[in-house]
N, C-alpha and C. Protein backbone atom coordinates (compact mmCIF):
# COMPACT_ATOMS: atom_id res chain seq x y z
N MET A 1 -61.99 79.34 46.57
CA MET A 1 -61.08 80.11 45.73
C MET A 1 -59.71 80.07 46.36
N ASN A 2 -58.74 79.73 45.58
CA ASN A 2 -57.39 79.60 46.09
C ASN A 2 -56.69 80.95 46.07
N ARG A 3 -56.13 81.37 47.20
CA ARG A 3 -55.43 82.62 47.25
C ARG A 3 -53.96 82.33 47.51
N PRO A 4 -53.09 82.63 46.56
CA PRO A 4 -51.69 82.28 46.66
C PRO A 4 -51.04 82.81 47.92
N SER A 5 -51.53 83.95 48.43
CA SER A 5 -50.88 84.54 49.62
C SER A 5 -51.02 83.69 50.84
N GLU A 6 -52.01 82.79 50.84
CA GLU A 6 -52.16 81.90 52.02
C GLU A 6 -51.31 80.65 51.89
N ASN A 7 -50.89 80.35 50.69
CA ASN A 7 -50.19 79.08 50.48
C ASN A 7 -48.68 79.21 50.46
N VAL A 8 -48.21 80.38 50.02
CA VAL A 8 -46.76 80.56 49.90
C VAL A 8 -46.37 81.85 50.63
N ALA A 9 -45.66 81.73 51.73
CA ALA A 9 -45.25 82.90 52.50
C ALA A 9 -43.84 83.30 52.08
N ARG A 10 -43.58 84.60 52.14
CA ARG A 10 -42.24 85.05 51.87
C ARG A 10 -41.34 84.69 53.06
N PRO A 11 -40.05 84.55 52.84
CA PRO A 11 -39.13 84.35 53.96
C PRO A 11 -39.29 85.49 54.95
N GLN A 12 -39.09 85.21 56.23
CA GLN A 12 -39.29 86.24 57.25
C GLN A 12 -38.36 87.42 57.06
N THR A 13 -37.22 87.19 56.46
CA THR A 13 -36.31 88.32 56.22
C THR A 13 -36.89 89.33 55.27
N GLU A 14 -37.88 88.94 54.46
CA GLU A 14 -38.50 89.84 53.53
C GLU A 14 -39.81 90.42 54.04
N TRP A 15 -40.21 90.01 55.24
CA TRP A 15 -41.43 90.55 55.81
C TRP A 15 -41.27 92.03 56.15
N SER A 16 -42.40 92.74 56.20
CA SER A 16 -42.37 94.12 56.66
C SER A 16 -42.09 94.12 58.17
N ALA A 17 -41.73 95.28 58.70
CA ALA A 17 -41.45 95.40 60.11
C ALA A 17 -42.70 95.02 60.94
N ARG A 18 -43.86 95.40 60.42
CA ARG A 18 -45.11 95.06 61.11
C ARG A 18 -45.32 93.56 61.19
N SER A 19 -45.05 92.84 60.05
CA SER A 19 -45.24 91.41 60.04
C SER A 19 -44.24 90.72 60.99
N ARG A 20 -43.01 91.21 61.01
CA ARG A 20 -42.04 90.60 61.90
C ARG A 20 -42.45 90.77 63.37
N GLU A 21 -42.96 91.95 63.71
CA GLU A 21 -43.39 92.17 65.09
C GLU A 21 -44.57 91.27 65.44
N LEU A 22 -45.55 91.17 64.54
CA LEU A 22 -46.68 90.31 64.78
C LEU A 22 -46.24 88.85 64.93
N GLY A 23 -45.29 88.44 64.12
CA GLY A 23 -44.81 87.08 64.23
C GLY A 23 -44.15 86.82 65.57
N GLU A 24 -43.36 87.76 66.04
CA GLU A 24 -42.71 87.62 67.36
C GLU A 24 -43.74 87.58 68.47
N LEU A 25 -44.75 88.44 68.34
CA LEU A 25 -45.80 88.48 69.39
C LEU A 25 -46.59 87.17 69.39
N LEU A 26 -46.87 86.60 68.23
CA LEU A 26 -47.57 85.32 68.18
C LEU A 26 -46.72 84.22 68.82
N ALA A 27 -45.42 84.24 68.54
CA ALA A 27 -44.54 83.22 69.14
C ALA A 27 -44.53 83.34 70.66
N ARG A 28 -44.46 84.54 71.16
CA ARG A 28 -44.44 84.76 72.61
C ARG A 28 -45.81 84.41 73.21
N SER A 29 -46.87 84.74 72.50
CA SER A 29 -48.20 84.42 73.00
C SER A 29 -48.39 82.89 73.08
N GLY A 30 -47.79 82.20 72.11
CA GLY A 30 -47.88 80.75 72.13
C GLY A 30 -47.20 80.13 73.33
N MET A 31 -46.27 80.89 73.95
CA MET A 31 -45.60 80.42 75.16
C MET A 31 -46.25 80.95 76.42
N GLY A 32 -47.43 81.57 76.25
CA GLY A 32 -48.17 82.03 77.41
C GLY A 32 -47.86 83.45 77.86
N ASP A 33 -47.22 84.25 77.04
CA ASP A 33 -46.85 85.60 77.39
C ASP A 33 -48.06 86.52 77.21
N ARG A 34 -48.70 86.91 78.32
CA ARG A 34 -49.92 87.71 78.25
C ARG A 34 -49.64 89.14 77.79
N ALA A 35 -48.48 89.67 78.14
CA ALA A 35 -48.15 91.02 77.70
C ALA A 35 -48.00 91.07 76.18
N ALA A 36 -47.38 90.03 75.64
CA ALA A 36 -47.25 89.94 74.18
C ALA A 36 -48.62 89.82 73.52
N PHE A 37 -49.49 89.05 74.15
CA PHE A 37 -50.83 88.88 73.58
C PHE A 37 -51.61 90.19 73.61
N ALA A 38 -51.45 90.94 74.67
CA ALA A 38 -52.11 92.26 74.76
C ALA A 38 -51.62 93.20 73.65
N ARG A 39 -50.29 93.15 73.40
CA ARG A 39 -49.74 93.97 72.34
C ARG A 39 -50.23 93.50 70.96
N LEU A 40 -50.33 92.18 70.81
CA LEU A 40 -50.87 91.59 69.56
C LEU A 40 -52.30 92.09 69.32
N TYR A 41 -53.09 92.10 70.36
CA TYR A 41 -54.46 92.57 70.26
C TYR A 41 -54.48 94.06 69.86
N GLU A 42 -53.61 94.84 70.50
CA GLU A 42 -53.57 96.26 70.21
C GLU A 42 -53.25 96.53 68.73
N LEU A 43 -52.33 95.75 68.18
CA LEU A 43 -51.86 95.97 66.80
C LEU A 43 -52.82 95.44 65.74
N SER A 44 -53.55 94.39 66.08
CA SER A 44 -54.31 93.70 65.03
C SER A 44 -55.83 93.78 65.19
N SER A 45 -56.34 94.19 66.34
CA SER A 45 -57.78 94.11 66.59
C SER A 45 -58.58 95.00 65.64
N GLY A 46 -58.06 96.18 65.30
CA GLY A 46 -58.79 97.05 64.38
C GLY A 46 -59.00 96.41 63.03
N HIS A 47 -57.94 95.81 62.51
CA HIS A 47 -58.03 95.14 61.19
C HIS A 47 -58.98 93.93 61.28
N LEU A 48 -58.85 93.13 62.32
CA LEU A 48 -59.68 91.92 62.43
C LEU A 48 -61.14 92.27 62.64
N PHE A 49 -61.40 93.35 63.38
CA PHE A 49 -62.78 93.77 63.59
C PHE A 49 -63.41 94.18 62.24
N ALA A 50 -62.62 94.86 61.40
CA ALA A 50 -63.13 95.26 60.09
C ALA A 50 -63.41 94.03 59.25
N VAL A 51 -62.56 93.00 59.34
CA VAL A 51 -62.78 91.76 58.61
C VAL A 51 -64.08 91.10 59.05
N VAL A 52 -64.29 91.01 60.35
CA VAL A 52 -65.49 90.39 60.90
C VAL A 52 -66.73 91.20 60.50
N LEU A 53 -66.63 92.52 60.60
CA LEU A 53 -67.79 93.38 60.35
C LEU A 53 -68.21 93.37 58.88
N ARG A 54 -67.28 93.09 57.98
CA ARG A 54 -67.66 92.98 56.56
C ARG A 54 -68.53 91.75 56.34
N ILE A 55 -68.42 90.76 57.18
CA ILE A 55 -69.21 89.53 57.02
C ILE A 55 -70.42 89.55 57.94
N GLN A 56 -70.20 89.83 59.21
CA GLN A 56 -71.28 89.90 60.18
C GLN A 56 -71.59 91.39 60.43
N ARG A 57 -72.65 91.87 59.77
CA ARG A 57 -72.91 93.31 59.77
C ARG A 57 -73.47 93.84 61.10
N ASP A 58 -73.99 92.95 61.94
CA ASP A 58 -74.49 93.38 63.23
C ASP A 58 -73.30 93.72 64.13
N ARG A 59 -73.16 94.99 64.49
CA ARG A 59 -71.97 95.42 65.19
C ARG A 59 -71.82 94.75 66.56
N THR A 60 -72.91 94.57 67.28
CA THR A 60 -72.83 93.94 68.59
C THR A 60 -72.35 92.50 68.47
N LEU A 61 -72.90 91.78 67.49
CA LEU A 61 -72.46 90.41 67.27
C LEU A 61 -71.01 90.36 66.80
N ALA A 62 -70.64 91.35 65.99
CA ALA A 62 -69.26 91.40 65.49
C ALA A 62 -68.29 91.62 66.64
N GLU A 63 -68.66 92.46 67.60
CA GLU A 63 -67.81 92.68 68.77
C GLU A 63 -67.66 91.41 69.59
N ASP A 64 -68.76 90.68 69.76
CA ASP A 64 -68.67 89.39 70.47
C ASP A 64 -67.80 88.42 69.70
N LEU A 65 -67.93 88.39 68.40
CA LEU A 65 -67.14 87.49 67.58
C LEU A 65 -65.66 87.81 67.67
N LEU A 66 -65.36 89.11 67.77
CA LEU A 66 -63.94 89.50 67.87
C LEU A 66 -63.30 88.90 69.10
N GLN A 67 -64.06 88.88 70.21
CA GLN A 67 -63.55 88.27 71.44
C GLN A 67 -63.32 86.78 71.25
N GLU A 68 -64.26 86.12 70.51
CA GLU A 68 -64.08 84.68 70.23
C GLU A 68 -62.83 84.47 69.39
N VAL A 69 -62.60 85.39 68.45
CA VAL A 69 -61.43 85.26 67.59
C VAL A 69 -60.16 85.26 68.42
N TYR A 70 -60.07 86.18 69.37
CA TYR A 70 -58.83 86.28 70.14
C TYR A 70 -58.69 85.18 71.17
N ILE A 71 -59.81 84.60 71.63
CA ILE A 71 -59.71 83.40 72.45
C ILE A 71 -59.11 82.29 71.62
N ALA A 72 -59.59 82.17 70.36
CA ALA A 72 -59.05 81.11 69.48
C ALA A 72 -57.58 81.38 69.15
N VAL A 73 -57.22 82.64 68.97
CA VAL A 73 -55.83 82.98 68.68
C VAL A 73 -54.93 82.60 69.87
N TRP A 74 -55.39 82.93 71.08
CA TRP A 74 -54.60 82.61 72.29
C TRP A 74 -54.37 81.12 72.39
N LYS A 75 -55.40 80.33 72.08
CA LYS A 75 -55.27 78.87 72.19
C LYS A 75 -54.40 78.28 71.08
N ALA A 76 -54.43 78.94 69.90
CA ALA A 76 -53.74 78.35 68.75
C ALA A 76 -52.44 79.03 68.40
N ALA A 77 -52.04 80.06 69.15
CA ALA A 77 -50.85 80.82 68.79
C ALA A 77 -49.62 79.96 68.65
N GLY A 78 -49.52 78.93 69.47
CA GLY A 78 -48.36 78.05 69.41
C GLY A 78 -48.31 77.24 68.12
N ASN A 79 -49.41 77.18 67.39
CA ASN A 79 -49.44 76.42 66.13
C ASN A 79 -49.11 77.29 64.91
N PHE A 80 -48.93 78.60 65.13
CA PHE A 80 -48.62 79.44 63.99
C PHE A 80 -47.28 79.05 63.37
N ASP A 81 -47.30 78.86 62.05
CA ASP A 81 -46.11 78.41 61.31
C ASP A 81 -45.68 79.53 60.38
N ALA A 82 -44.60 80.21 60.72
CA ALA A 82 -44.15 81.34 59.92
C ALA A 82 -43.67 80.91 58.55
N ALA A 83 -43.39 79.63 58.37
CA ALA A 83 -42.95 79.14 57.05
C ALA A 83 -44.10 78.97 56.08
N ARG A 84 -45.33 79.03 56.58
CA ARG A 84 -46.48 78.77 55.72
C ARG A 84 -47.30 80.01 55.43
N SER A 85 -47.32 80.96 56.33
CA SER A 85 -48.14 82.18 56.11
C SER A 85 -47.61 83.33 56.94
N GLN A 86 -47.97 84.50 56.52
CA GLN A 86 -47.63 85.68 57.29
C GLN A 86 -48.59 85.83 58.48
N PRO A 87 -48.19 86.50 59.54
CA PRO A 87 -49.03 86.58 60.75
C PRO A 87 -50.41 87.15 60.48
N LEU A 88 -50.49 88.28 59.74
CA LEU A 88 -51.79 88.92 59.55
C LEU A 88 -52.71 88.04 58.70
N THR A 89 -52.12 87.32 57.73
CA THR A 89 -52.90 86.39 56.92
C THR A 89 -53.47 85.30 57.81
N TRP A 90 -52.67 84.76 58.71
CA TRP A 90 -53.13 83.71 59.62
C TRP A 90 -54.23 84.21 60.53
N LEU A 91 -54.06 85.40 61.09
CA LEU A 91 -55.06 86.01 61.95
C LEU A 91 -56.33 86.27 61.20
N THR A 92 -56.21 86.80 59.99
CA THR A 92 -57.39 87.11 59.16
C THR A 92 -58.16 85.85 58.84
N HIS A 93 -57.45 84.78 58.58
CA HIS A 93 -58.11 83.51 58.26
C HIS A 93 -58.98 83.04 59.44
N ILE A 94 -58.46 83.17 60.66
CA ILE A 94 -59.24 82.77 61.84
C ILE A 94 -60.47 83.68 61.95
N ALA A 95 -60.29 84.99 61.78
CA ALA A 95 -61.38 85.92 61.92
C ALA A 95 -62.48 85.66 60.89
N ARG A 96 -62.09 85.46 59.63
CA ARG A 96 -63.06 85.19 58.58
C ARG A 96 -63.84 83.89 58.84
N ASN A 97 -63.13 82.87 59.28
CA ASN A 97 -63.82 81.61 59.54
C ASN A 97 -64.82 81.73 60.68
N ARG A 98 -64.45 82.45 61.73
CA ARG A 98 -65.37 82.65 62.86
C ARG A 98 -66.62 83.43 62.41
N ALA A 99 -66.41 84.46 61.60
CA ALA A 99 -67.53 85.27 61.12
C ALA A 99 -68.44 84.46 60.22
N ILE A 100 -67.87 83.70 59.32
CA ILE A 100 -68.68 82.87 58.42
C ILE A 100 -69.43 81.80 59.20
N ASP A 101 -68.77 81.21 60.20
CA ASP A 101 -69.44 80.21 61.05
C ASP A 101 -70.63 80.84 61.77
N SER A 102 -70.52 82.09 62.17
CA SER A 102 -71.62 82.74 62.88
C SER A 102 -72.84 82.90 61.97
N LEU A 103 -72.61 83.17 60.68
CA LEU A 103 -73.72 83.26 59.74
C LEU A 103 -74.35 81.90 59.53
N ARG A 104 -73.54 80.88 59.46
CA ARG A 104 -74.08 79.51 59.30
C ARG A 104 -74.91 79.11 60.50
N ARG A 105 -74.43 79.47 61.71
CA ARG A 105 -75.22 79.16 62.90
C ARG A 105 -76.55 79.89 62.90
N ALA A 106 -76.53 81.14 62.47
CA ALA A 106 -77.76 81.92 62.42
C ALA A 106 -78.74 81.35 61.44
N GLN A 107 -78.24 80.77 60.32
CA GLN A 107 -79.14 80.19 59.31
C GLN A 107 -79.84 78.93 59.85
N THR A 108 -79.15 78.18 60.69
CA THR A 108 -79.69 76.89 61.15
C THR A 108 -80.42 77.01 62.48
N GLN A 109 -80.25 78.10 63.20
CA GLN A 109 -80.86 78.25 64.53
C GLN A 109 -82.34 78.62 64.39
N PRO A 110 -83.24 77.82 64.97
CA PRO A 110 -84.66 78.16 64.88
C PRO A 110 -84.99 79.42 65.67
N GLN A 111 -85.88 80.24 65.11
CA GLN A 111 -86.31 81.47 65.75
C GLN A 111 -87.79 81.29 66.13
N LEU A 112 -88.03 81.10 67.43
CA LEU A 112 -89.39 80.82 67.89
C LEU A 112 -89.99 82.05 68.55
N GLN A 113 -91.24 82.33 68.24
CA GLN A 113 -91.98 83.41 68.85
C GLN A 113 -93.38 82.94 69.19
N THR A 114 -93.93 83.36 70.30
CA THR A 114 -95.30 83.06 70.70
C THR A 114 -96.13 84.32 70.53
N SER A 115 -97.18 84.24 69.80
CA SER A 115 -97.94 85.44 69.49
C SER A 115 -98.85 85.88 70.62
N HIS A 116 -99.31 84.97 71.47
CA HIS A 116 -100.27 85.30 72.56
C HIS A 116 -101.55 85.90 72.00
N LEU A 117 -101.89 85.59 70.76
CA LEU A 117 -103.08 86.16 70.17
C LEU A 117 -104.31 85.73 70.98
N GLY A 118 -105.15 86.72 71.28
CA GLY A 118 -106.36 86.46 72.03
C GLY A 118 -106.15 86.46 73.52
N SER A 119 -104.92 86.63 74.01
CA SER A 119 -104.68 86.67 75.45
C SER A 119 -104.85 88.05 75.97
N ALA A 120 -104.89 88.21 77.26
CA ALA A 120 -105.06 89.51 77.90
C ALA A 120 -103.84 90.37 77.71
N GLU A 121 -102.68 89.77 77.46
CA GLU A 121 -101.45 90.53 77.33
C GLU A 121 -101.24 91.06 75.92
N SER A 122 -102.06 90.62 74.93
CA SER A 122 -101.77 90.93 73.56
C SER A 122 -101.88 92.42 73.26
N ASP A 123 -102.76 93.13 73.98
CA ASP A 123 -102.92 94.56 73.73
C ASP A 123 -101.66 95.33 74.07
N ASP A 124 -100.94 94.91 75.13
CA ASP A 124 -99.72 95.60 75.55
C ASP A 124 -98.54 95.23 74.67
N GLU A 125 -98.51 93.95 74.25
CA GLU A 125 -97.34 93.46 73.54
C GLU A 125 -97.37 93.77 72.06
N GLY A 126 -98.57 94.04 71.48
CA GLY A 126 -98.64 94.32 70.07
C GLY A 126 -98.59 93.03 69.25
N ASP A 127 -98.63 93.22 67.94
CA ASP A 127 -98.61 92.07 67.04
C ASP A 127 -97.24 91.41 67.06
N VAL A 128 -97.22 90.09 66.90
CA VAL A 128 -95.98 89.34 66.94
C VAL A 128 -95.03 89.80 65.86
N THR A 129 -95.54 90.17 64.68
CA THR A 129 -94.67 90.59 63.58
C THR A 129 -93.93 91.86 63.87
N ASP A 130 -94.47 92.68 64.79
CA ASP A 130 -93.78 93.89 65.20
C ASP A 130 -92.56 93.59 66.08
N ARG A 131 -92.63 92.47 66.82
CA ARG A 131 -91.58 92.15 67.77
C ARG A 131 -90.49 91.28 67.15
N VAL A 132 -90.83 90.60 66.06
CA VAL A 132 -89.84 89.71 65.45
C VAL A 132 -88.71 90.49 64.82
N ALA A 133 -89.00 91.65 64.27
CA ALA A 133 -87.97 92.44 63.58
C ALA A 133 -86.86 92.82 64.54
N ALA A 134 -85.62 92.72 64.06
CA ALA A 134 -84.45 93.04 64.86
C ALA A 134 -83.43 93.71 63.97
N ASP A 135 -82.43 94.30 64.63
CA ASP A 135 -81.38 95.00 63.89
C ASP A 135 -80.48 94.00 63.16
N GLY A 136 -80.35 92.78 63.64
CA GLY A 136 -79.46 91.79 63.04
C GLY A 136 -80.00 91.27 61.72
N PRO A 137 -79.16 90.60 60.96
CA PRO A 137 -79.60 90.07 59.65
C PRO A 137 -80.61 88.95 59.80
N GLY A 138 -81.64 88.96 58.95
CA GLY A 138 -82.62 87.90 58.96
C GLY A 138 -82.22 86.80 57.99
N PRO A 139 -83.03 85.73 57.91
CA PRO A 139 -82.71 84.61 57.05
C PRO A 139 -82.50 85.02 55.59
N LEU A 140 -83.35 85.92 55.08
CA LEU A 140 -83.22 86.33 53.70
C LEU A 140 -81.92 87.13 53.48
N ASP A 141 -81.55 87.95 54.48
CA ASP A 141 -80.29 88.70 54.38
C ASP A 141 -79.11 87.71 54.32
N LEU A 142 -79.17 86.70 55.20
CA LEU A 142 -78.09 85.73 55.23
C LEU A 142 -77.99 84.96 53.91
N LEU A 143 -79.15 84.62 53.34
CA LEU A 143 -79.17 83.93 52.06
C LEU A 143 -78.60 84.81 50.96
N ASP A 144 -78.97 86.09 50.99
CA ASP A 144 -78.45 87.03 50.00
C ASP A 144 -76.94 87.11 50.10
N ARG A 145 -76.41 87.16 51.32
CA ARG A 145 -74.97 87.25 51.49
C ARG A 145 -74.26 86.00 50.98
N ALA A 146 -74.87 84.85 51.25
CA ALA A 146 -74.26 83.59 50.77
C ALA A 146 -74.24 83.59 49.24
N CYS A 147 -75.32 84.06 48.61
CA CYS A 147 -75.36 84.13 47.16
C CYS A 147 -74.34 85.15 46.65
N ASP A 148 -74.23 86.27 47.35
CA ASP A 148 -73.26 87.29 46.97
C ASP A 148 -71.84 86.72 47.01
N ALA A 149 -71.58 85.90 48.03
CA ALA A 149 -70.24 85.32 48.17
C ALA A 149 -69.92 84.40 46.99
N ARG A 150 -70.92 83.61 46.58
CA ARG A 150 -70.70 82.74 45.46
C ARG A 150 -70.51 83.54 44.17
N GLU A 151 -71.30 84.61 44.03
CA GLU A 151 -71.20 85.46 42.85
C GLU A 151 -69.81 86.14 42.81
N LEU A 152 -69.36 86.58 43.98
CA LEU A 152 -68.05 87.22 44.05
C LEU A 152 -66.95 86.23 43.64
N GLU A 153 -67.07 85.01 44.10
CA GLU A 153 -66.06 84.00 43.75
C GLU A 153 -66.04 83.78 42.23
N THR A 154 -67.24 83.73 41.62
CA THR A 154 -67.31 83.57 40.17
C THR A 154 -66.67 84.74 39.47
N CYS A 155 -66.96 85.94 39.96
CA CYS A 155 -66.41 87.14 39.31
C CYS A 155 -64.90 87.23 39.50
N MET A 156 -64.40 86.79 40.65
CA MET A 156 -62.96 86.82 40.89
C MET A 156 -62.23 85.96 39.88
N GLU A 157 -62.87 84.88 39.44
CA GLU A 157 -62.23 83.99 38.49
C GLU A 157 -62.03 84.65 37.14
N ARG A 158 -62.72 85.74 36.89
CA ARG A 158 -62.61 86.44 35.61
C ARG A 158 -61.43 87.40 35.58
N LEU A 159 -60.82 87.63 36.71
CA LEU A 159 -59.68 88.53 36.75
C LEU A 159 -58.42 87.82 36.29
N SER A 160 -57.46 88.59 35.84
CA SER A 160 -56.15 88.03 35.50
C SER A 160 -55.48 87.61 36.79
N PRO A 161 -54.54 86.66 36.75
CA PRO A 161 -53.87 86.24 37.97
C PRO A 161 -53.25 87.39 38.79
N PRO A 162 -52.55 88.35 38.16
CA PRO A 162 -51.98 89.46 38.96
C PRO A 162 -53.08 90.31 39.64
N GLN A 163 -54.19 90.54 38.89
CA GLN A 163 -55.28 91.29 39.47
C GLN A 163 -55.92 90.55 40.64
N ARG A 164 -56.15 89.27 40.45
CA ARG A 164 -56.77 88.44 41.48
C ARG A 164 -55.90 88.40 42.74
N GLN A 165 -54.61 88.23 42.57
CA GLN A 165 -53.72 88.15 43.72
C GLN A 165 -53.61 89.52 44.43
N SER A 166 -53.59 90.59 43.66
CA SER A 166 -53.52 91.93 44.26
C SER A 166 -54.76 92.23 45.08
N VAL A 167 -55.93 91.92 44.54
CA VAL A 167 -57.18 92.16 45.28
C VAL A 167 -57.26 91.27 46.52
N ALA A 168 -56.84 90.01 46.39
CA ALA A 168 -56.86 89.13 47.55
C ALA A 168 -55.98 89.64 48.67
N LEU A 169 -54.78 90.10 48.31
CA LEU A 169 -53.88 90.62 49.32
C LEU A 169 -54.39 91.90 49.96
N ALA A 170 -54.98 92.77 49.13
CA ALA A 170 -55.45 94.06 49.63
C ALA A 170 -56.72 93.97 50.47
N PHE A 171 -57.66 93.13 50.02
CA PHE A 171 -58.97 93.12 50.67
C PHE A 171 -59.21 91.93 51.56
N PHE A 172 -58.64 90.77 51.24
CA PHE A 172 -58.82 89.61 52.11
C PHE A 172 -57.75 89.56 53.20
N ASP A 173 -56.53 89.95 52.85
CA ASP A 173 -55.43 89.90 53.82
C ASP A 173 -55.18 91.24 54.47
N GLY A 174 -55.83 92.30 53.97
CA GLY A 174 -55.73 93.60 54.62
C GLY A 174 -54.42 94.35 54.42
N LEU A 175 -53.68 94.03 53.38
CA LEU A 175 -52.41 94.73 53.13
C LEU A 175 -52.66 96.06 52.43
N SER A 176 -51.81 97.01 52.69
CA SER A 176 -51.86 98.28 51.97
C SER A 176 -51.33 98.09 50.56
N HIS A 177 -51.57 99.06 49.67
CA HIS A 177 -51.04 98.94 48.33
C HIS A 177 -49.51 98.83 48.34
N ALA A 178 -48.87 99.57 49.24
CA ALA A 178 -47.42 99.50 49.33
C ALA A 178 -46.96 98.11 49.76
N GLU A 179 -47.69 97.51 50.71
CA GLU A 179 -47.35 96.15 51.19
C GLU A 179 -47.59 95.11 50.11
N VAL A 180 -48.67 95.32 49.32
CA VAL A 180 -48.92 94.42 48.21
C VAL A 180 -47.80 94.49 47.19
N ALA A 181 -47.38 95.71 46.88
CA ALA A 181 -46.29 95.90 45.93
C ALA A 181 -45.02 95.23 46.45
N GLU A 182 -44.76 95.38 47.74
CA GLU A 182 -43.59 94.75 48.34
C GLU A 182 -43.70 93.23 48.27
N HIS A 183 -44.87 92.74 48.56
CA HIS A 183 -45.09 91.29 48.56
C HIS A 183 -44.90 90.69 47.19
N LEU A 184 -45.42 91.39 46.15
CA LEU A 184 -45.35 90.88 44.81
C LEU A 184 -44.08 91.31 44.07
N ARG A 185 -43.31 92.17 44.72
CA ARG A 185 -42.10 92.70 44.10
C ARG A 185 -42.39 93.38 42.77
N GLU A 186 -43.42 94.21 42.78
CA GLU A 186 -43.83 94.97 41.61
C GLU A 186 -43.90 96.44 41.98
N PRO A 187 -43.80 97.35 40.97
CA PRO A 187 -43.90 98.79 41.25
C PRO A 187 -45.25 99.13 41.85
N LEU A 188 -45.24 100.12 42.72
CA LEU A 188 -46.48 100.51 43.41
C LEU A 188 -47.54 100.95 42.39
N GLY A 189 -47.14 101.73 41.38
CA GLY A 189 -48.10 102.16 40.37
C GLY A 189 -48.75 101.01 39.64
N THR A 190 -47.98 99.98 39.36
CA THR A 190 -48.53 98.79 38.67
C THR A 190 -49.57 98.12 39.54
N VAL A 191 -49.26 97.95 40.83
CA VAL A 191 -50.20 97.32 41.74
C VAL A 191 -51.48 98.13 41.87
N LYS A 192 -51.36 99.44 41.98
CA LYS A 192 -52.55 100.28 42.08
C LYS A 192 -53.41 100.15 40.81
N SER A 193 -52.76 100.05 39.67
CA SER A 193 -53.50 99.87 38.41
C SER A 193 -54.22 98.53 38.39
N TRP A 194 -53.54 97.46 38.84
CA TRP A 194 -54.16 96.15 38.88
C TRP A 194 -55.40 96.17 39.77
N VAL A 195 -55.25 96.76 40.96
CA VAL A 195 -56.37 96.79 41.89
C VAL A 195 -57.52 97.61 41.35
N ARG A 196 -57.21 98.78 40.77
CA ARG A 196 -58.26 99.64 40.23
C ARG A 196 -59.04 98.94 39.11
N ARG A 197 -58.32 98.32 38.17
CA ARG A 197 -58.99 97.64 37.07
C ARG A 197 -59.75 96.42 37.55
N ALA A 198 -59.21 95.73 38.55
CA ALA A 198 -59.88 94.56 39.12
C ALA A 198 -61.21 94.95 39.74
N LEU A 199 -61.20 96.05 40.49
CA LEU A 199 -62.42 96.50 41.14
C LEU A 199 -63.47 96.93 40.11
N GLN A 200 -63.03 97.54 39.04
CA GLN A 200 -63.97 97.91 37.97
C GLN A 200 -64.59 96.68 37.35
N THR A 201 -63.76 95.66 37.10
CA THR A 201 -64.27 94.40 36.53
C THR A 201 -65.25 93.74 37.48
N LEU A 202 -64.89 93.68 38.77
CA LEU A 202 -65.76 93.04 39.75
C LEU A 202 -67.10 93.80 39.86
N LYS A 203 -67.05 95.12 39.85
CA LYS A 203 -68.26 95.92 39.94
C LYS A 203 -69.21 95.60 38.77
N THR A 204 -68.66 95.57 37.58
CA THR A 204 -69.47 95.26 36.40
C THR A 204 -70.05 93.87 36.47
N CYS A 205 -69.23 92.92 36.86
CA CYS A 205 -69.65 91.51 36.96
C CYS A 205 -70.76 91.35 37.99
N LEU A 206 -70.61 91.95 39.16
CA LEU A 206 -71.57 91.81 40.24
C LEU A 206 -72.89 92.52 39.88
N GLU A 207 -72.79 93.66 39.18
CA GLU A 207 -74.01 94.35 38.77
C GLU A 207 -74.79 93.51 37.75
N ARG A 208 -74.09 92.84 36.85
CA ARG A 208 -74.78 91.96 35.90
C ARG A 208 -75.42 90.79 36.62
N GLY A 209 -74.73 90.26 37.62
CA GLY A 209 -75.31 89.18 38.40
C GLY A 209 -76.59 89.61 39.12
N ALA A 210 -76.58 90.84 39.66
CA ALA A 210 -77.75 91.35 40.35
C ALA A 210 -78.92 91.53 39.38
N LEU A 211 -78.63 91.98 38.15
CA LEU A 211 -79.69 92.14 37.17
C LEU A 211 -80.29 90.80 36.78
N ARG A 212 -79.43 89.76 36.66
CA ARG A 212 -79.90 88.43 36.35
C ARG A 212 -80.82 87.91 37.43
N ASP A 213 -80.46 88.19 38.70
CA ASP A 213 -81.29 87.75 39.81
C ASP A 213 -82.64 88.42 39.81
N GLN A 214 -82.66 89.71 39.46
CA GLN A 214 -83.93 90.43 39.43
C GLN A 214 -84.81 89.93 38.30
N ALA A 215 -84.20 89.55 37.18
CA ALA A 215 -84.99 89.09 36.03
C ALA A 215 -85.51 87.69 36.22
N SER A 216 -84.85 86.89 37.05
CA SER A 216 -85.27 85.50 37.22
C SER A 216 -86.43 85.36 38.20
């Protein structure tokens, strides 16, 4: 799904104060400034953790992924191009890709267990099916999420272009309603209306998709 916010960035003079600061911190981090990188982490880690956690629901894994994200940011900071995207959009893109990659790795990684059935240790260890269960997502959960992602993409296509762009900026790029309004140069009330109606449309579309899955 193409999101215009990732393809066309506003001139830096029109960025919010937050975006300008993040851009400066990325530039300094790209030159090896560790203090700037620490400040970048302080300002953006909460948002990026929320992005990761929406995809990778296991909190422990999400925390580990967040560290991977910032290692990648440190290595790639010098490649950030302010003419192509806003800083938070660029950071969010890295975080989302890392989180999605983690789900793909989990889908392909074999999960091996030895039951020890009939051994002397089996009484203490219990049945193998009791030990396999874990807090993290299982293969069926991961498959469900992949299907949900495809269904969401289909439903997003049903939105009007302004609705689709507003939702993408608010939920994929993490902008506030005020920042979305500033980005699109539209009244705040109009943007809130677009987002509200878009969410209602998405909810209805996704519910219908869930009913179809249950019936099939």
